[in-house]
C-alpha atoms as a PDB file:
ATOM      1  CA  LEU A   1    -163.444 -51.647  78.427  1.00  0.00           C
ATOM      2  CA  TRP A   2    -161.990 -48.271  77.238  1.00  0.00           C
ATOM      3  CA  ILE A   3    -158.679 -48.700  79.056  1.00  0.00           C
ATOM      4  CA  GLN A   4    -158.489 -52.201  77.712  1.00  0.00           C
ATOM      5  CA  VAL A   5    -158.893 -50.784  74.230  1.00  0.00           C
ATOM      6  CA  HIS A   6    -156.029 -48.283  74.838  1.00  0.00           C
ATOM      7  CA  ALA A   7    -153.713 -51.101  76.041  1.00  0.00           C
ATOM      8  CA  ASP A   8    -154.665 -53.203  73.156  1.00  0.00           C
ATOM      9  CA  VAL A   9    -153.916 -50.592  70.465  1.00  0.00           C
ATOM     10  CA  LEU A  10    -150.717 -49.578  72.162  1.00  0.00           C
ATOM     11  CA  GLY A  11    -149.363 -52.969  72.851  1.00  0.00           C
ATOM     12  CA  ARG A  12    -148.419 -51.843  76.192  1.00  0.00           C
ATOM     13  CA  PRO A  13    -149.820 -52.074  79.871  1.00  0.00           C
ATOM     14  CA  ILE A  14    -151.834 -49.323  81.216  1.00  0.00           C
ATOM     15  CA  HIS A  15    -150.974 -48.525  84.902  1.00  0.00           C
ATOM     16  CA  LEU A  16    -153.992 -47.204  86.860  1.00  0.00           C
ATOM     17  CA  THR A  17    -153.204 -44.972  89.900  1.00  0.00           C
ATOM     18  CA  ARG A  18    -154.982 -45.485  93.131  1.00  0.00           C
ATOM     19  CA  ASP A  19    -155.506 -41.865  93.250  1.00  0.00           C
ATOM     20  CA  PRO A  20    -158.062 -40.772  90.701  1.00  0.00           C
ATOM     21  CA  GLU A  21    -156.974 -37.072  90.744  1.00  0.00           C
ATOM     22  CA  THR A  22    -153.861 -37.530  88.503  1.00  0.00           C
ATOM     23  CA  CYS A  23    -153.736 -34.011  87.398  1.00  0.00           C
ATOM     24  CA  SER A  24    -153.446 -32.663  91.072  1.00  0.00           C
ATOM     25  CA  LEU A  25    -150.837 -35.412  91.921  1.00  0.00           C
ATOM     26  CA  GLY A  26    -148.846 -34.476  88.769  1.00  0.00           C
ATOM     27  CA  SER A  27    -148.853 -31.029  89.957  1.00  0.00           C
ATOM     28  CA  ALA A  28    -147.953 -32.174  93.488  1.00  0.00           C
ATOM     29  CA  MET A  29    -144.851 -34.098  92.068  1.00  0.00           C
ATOM     30  CA  ALA A  30    -143.821 -30.961  89.804  1.00  0.00           C
ATOM     31  CA  ALA A  31    -143.935 -28.952  93.015  1.00  0.00           C
ATOM     32  CA  ALA A  32    -141.995 -31.514  95.065  1.00  0.00           C
ATOM     33  CA  VAL A  33    -139.098 -31.808  92.545  1.00  0.00           C
ATOM     34  CA  ASN A  34    -139.101 -28.044  92.185  1.00  0.00           C
ATOM     35  CA  ALA A  35    -138.866 -27.469  95.986  1.00  0.00           C
ATOM     36  CA  GLY A  36    -135.851 -29.918  95.972  1.00  0.00           C
ATOM     37  CA  ILE A  37    -137.835 -32.628  98.039  1.00  0.00           C
ATOM     38  CA  TYR A  38    -137.155 -35.057  95.246  1.00  0.00           C
ATOM     39  CA  PRO A  39    -134.281 -34.803  92.841  1.00  0.00           C
ATOM     40  CA  SER A  40    -136.253 -36.221  89.740  1.00  0.00           C
ATOM     41  CA  PHE A  41    -139.813 -37.069  88.688  1.00  0.00           C
ATOM     42  CA  ASP A  42    -138.925 -40.693  88.642  1.00  0.00           C
ATOM     43  CA  GLU A  43    -138.007 -40.406  92.463  1.00  0.00           C
ATOM     44  CA  ALA A  44    -141.258 -38.426  93.267  1.00  0.00           C
ATOM     45  CA  GLY A  45    -143.200 -40.950  91.171  1.00  0.00           C
ATOM     46  CA  GLY A  46    -141.811 -43.642  93.145  1.00  0.00           C
ATOM     47  CA  ALA A  47    -142.807 -41.965  96.359  1.00  0.00           C
ATOM     48  CA  MET A  48    -146.004 -40.351  95.534  1.00  0.00           C
ATOM     49  CA  VAL A  49    -147.734 -42.707  93.000  1.00  0.00           C
ATOM     50  CA  ALA A  50    -149.557 -45.852  94.153  1.00  0.00           C
ATOM     51  CA  ILE A  51    -150.589 -48.176  91.454  1.00  0.00           C
ATOM     52  CA  ASP A  52    -153.928 -49.667  91.809  1.00  0.00           C
ATOM     53  CA  ARG A  53    -153.901 -52.084  88.916  1.00  0.00           C
ATOM     54  CA  VAL A  54    -152.243 -52.698  85.535  1.00  0.00           C
ATOM     55  CA  VAL A  55    -154.363 -53.573  82.330  1.00  0.00           C
ATOM     56  CA  GLY A  56    -152.240 -55.480  79.995  1.00  0.00           C
ATOM     57  CA  PRO A  57    -152.782 -55.772  76.290  1.00  0.00           C
ATOM     58  CA  ASP A  58    -154.661 -58.895  75.085  1.00  0.00           C
ATOM     59  CA  PRO A  59    -152.558 -60.162  72.205  1.00  0.00           C
ATOM     60  CA  ARG A  60    -155.678 -61.874  70.706  1.00  0.00           C
ATOM     61  CA  ASN A  61    -156.834 -58.417  69.556  1.00  0.00           C
ATOM     62  CA  ARG A  62    -153.546 -57.088  67.843  1.00  0.00           C
ATOM     63  CA  ASP A  63    -154.341 -58.493  64.608  1.00  0.00           C
ATOM     64  CA  VAL A  64    -157.810 -56.629  64.547  1.00  0.00           C
ATOM     65  CA  TYR A  65    -156.319 -53.369  65.470  1.00  0.00           C
ATOM     66  CA  ASP A  66    -153.502 -53.645  63.036  1.00  0.00           C
ATOM     67  CA  GLU A  67    -155.886 -54.178  60.307  1.00  0.00           C
ATOM     68  CA  LEU A  68    -158.175 -51.303  61.301  1.00  0.00           C
ATOM     69  CA  PHE A  69    -155.030 -48.864  61.467  1.00  0.00           C
ATOM     70  CA  ALA A  70    -153.985 -50.384  57.886  1.00  0.00           C
ATOM     71  CA  ARG A  71    -157.429 -49.403  56.700  1.00  0.00           C
ATOM     72  CA  TYR A  72    -157.233 -45.662  58.299  1.00  0.00           C
ATOM     73  CA  VAL A  73    -153.910 -45.193  56.748  1.00  0.00           C
ATOM     74  CA  ARG A  74    -155.206 -46.384  53.189  1.00  0.00           C
ATOM     75  CA  THR A  75    -158.255 -44.082  53.608  1.00  0.00           C
ATOM     76  CA  TYR A  76    -156.161 -41.012  54.806  1.00  0.00           C
ATOM     77  CA  GLU A  77    -153.889 -41.564  51.801  1.00  0.00           C
ATOM     78  CA  GLN A  78    -156.905 -41.784  49.313  1.00  0.00           C
ATOM     79  CA  LEU A  79    -158.671 -38.758  50.671  1.00  0.00           C
ATOM     80  CA  GLU A  80    -155.216 -36.755  50.563  1.00  0.00           C
ATOM     81  CA  GLU A  81    -154.831 -37.632  46.853  1.00  0.00           C
ATOM     82  CA  SER A  82    -158.283 -36.722  45.967  1.00  0.00           C
ATOM     83  CA  GLY A  83    -158.035 -33.472  48.027  1.00  0.00           C
END
């Protein structure tokens, strides 16, 4: 559910990797690029990252999140003015 909320709020798909240790994987990618094994992070990612599944945004939720964000902005502006 939480990943779906992220995708809905961002309006973008979330790509979930097969490897749950993404911090370690990122470190390994950085080491591989630095060692010259891969010329770029894009190439290292293509070779080292396996996508398990993609969670796409649900367009039915867009209006709800847009309204909630608008409320947040209005509240912030009001608090800033009264500050």
